[in-house]
Structures are given as structure tokens and as C-alpha cells.
Amino acid sequence: MSEKELNAYRLTSMDEPSDEMLSAIMKEAAAEAQTSTAKAVAVYFNEISTMLQKKIAVL
């Protein structure tokens, strides 16, 4: 299945995705979720590190 076909597909009650299509959609969603989670974790720990450095500087 081409990327163009995958991106053109819209979930509707009238047209169910094939197993291949559903698998591709889920893999893409999982990859995006992993990327956004990794970014959020990096931001979180960066903020904690910054807060800790500020606290150490005050002491």
C-alpha cells in the first residue's frame, strides 16, 4: 500500500480498512506516539535539571 493511499484513507462507518491498511495506520500512530513521548520526557527532565541547578545555586 502506498503512502498516498494510506494518507487518503478516512475512517468512516461505511468503509472499513483492510488488515494491511489498519496495520499501517497503527504502526504510524505508534511511531508518532513514541516520538512525542520521547520529546515530552526530554523536556520534563530538562526542566527538572534546570530547577535543581537553580536550587543548588541558591544554597
Protein backbone atom coordinates (compact mmCIF):
# COMPACT_ATOMS: atom_id res chain seq x y z
CA MET A 1 0.00 0.00 0.00
CA SER A 2 1.39 3.35 -0.97
CA GLU A 3 1.75 6.23 1.45
CA LYS A 4 -0.58 8.28 -0.75
CA GLU A 5 -3.33 5.64 -0.43
CA LEU A 6 -2.79 5.43 3.31
CA ASN A 7 -2.95 9.19 3.80
CA ALA A 8 -6.07 9.44 1.62
CA TYR A 9 -7.97 6.88 3.68
CA ARG A 10 -10.53 8.21 6.18
CA LEU A 11 -12.20 6.06 8.80
CA THR A 12 -15.93 6.05 8.21
CA SER A 13 -18.77 3.79 9.23
CA MET A 14 -19.31 2.85 5.58
CA ASP A 15 -15.80 1.74 4.63
CA GLU A 16 -13.70 -0.42 6.96
CA PRO A 17 -9.93 -0.58 6.49
CA SER A 18 -8.24 -3.73 5.29
CA ASP A 19 -5.94 -5.57 7.69
CA GLU A 20 -2.94 -4.19 5.79
CA MET A 21 -4.30 -0.65 5.98
CA LEU A 22 -5.14 -0.93 9.68
CA SER A 23 -1.70 -2.31 10.43
CA ALA A 24 -0.01 0.56 8.59
CA ILE A 25 -2.20 3.14 10.36
CA MET A 26 -1.42 1.65 13.76
CA LYS A 27 2.32 1.47 13.07
CA GLU A 28 2.34 5.13 12.03
CA ALA A 29 0.34 6.11 15.11
CA ALA A 30 2.69 4.14 17.37
CA ALA A 31 5.76 5.79 15.84
CA GLU A 32 4.26 9.25 16.33
CA ALA A 33 3.34 8.39 19.93
CA GLN A 34 6.88 7.20 20.66
CA THR A 35 8.36 10.38 19.17
CA SER A 36 6.07 12.72 21.10
CA THR A 37 6.63 10.78 24.33
CA ALA A 38 10.41 10.94 23.92
CA LYS A 39 10.20 14.72 23.36
CA ALA A 40 7.95 15.19 26.41
CA VAL A 41 10.27 13.12 28.61
CA ALA A 42 13.30 15.12 27.43
CA VAL A 43 11.53 18.42 28.19
CA TYR A 44 10.41 17.12 31.59
CA PHE A 45 13.87 16.05 32.68
CA ASN A 46 15.43 19.22 31.27
CA GLU A 47 13.04 21.30 33.39
CA ILE A 48 13.80 19.22 36.48
CA SER A 49 17.52 19.64 35.86
CA THR A 50 17.12 23.40 35.45
CA MET A 51 15.08 23.64 38.65
CA LEU A 52 17.68 21.59 40.52
CA GLN A 53 20.53 23.77 39.26
CA LYS A 54 18.66 26.91 40.39
CA LYS A 55 18.04 25.37 43.81
CA ILE A 56 21.71 24.38 44.18
CA ALA A 57 22.80 27.91 43.20
CA VAL A 58 20.63 29.38 45.97
CA LEU A 59 22.17 27.13 48.61
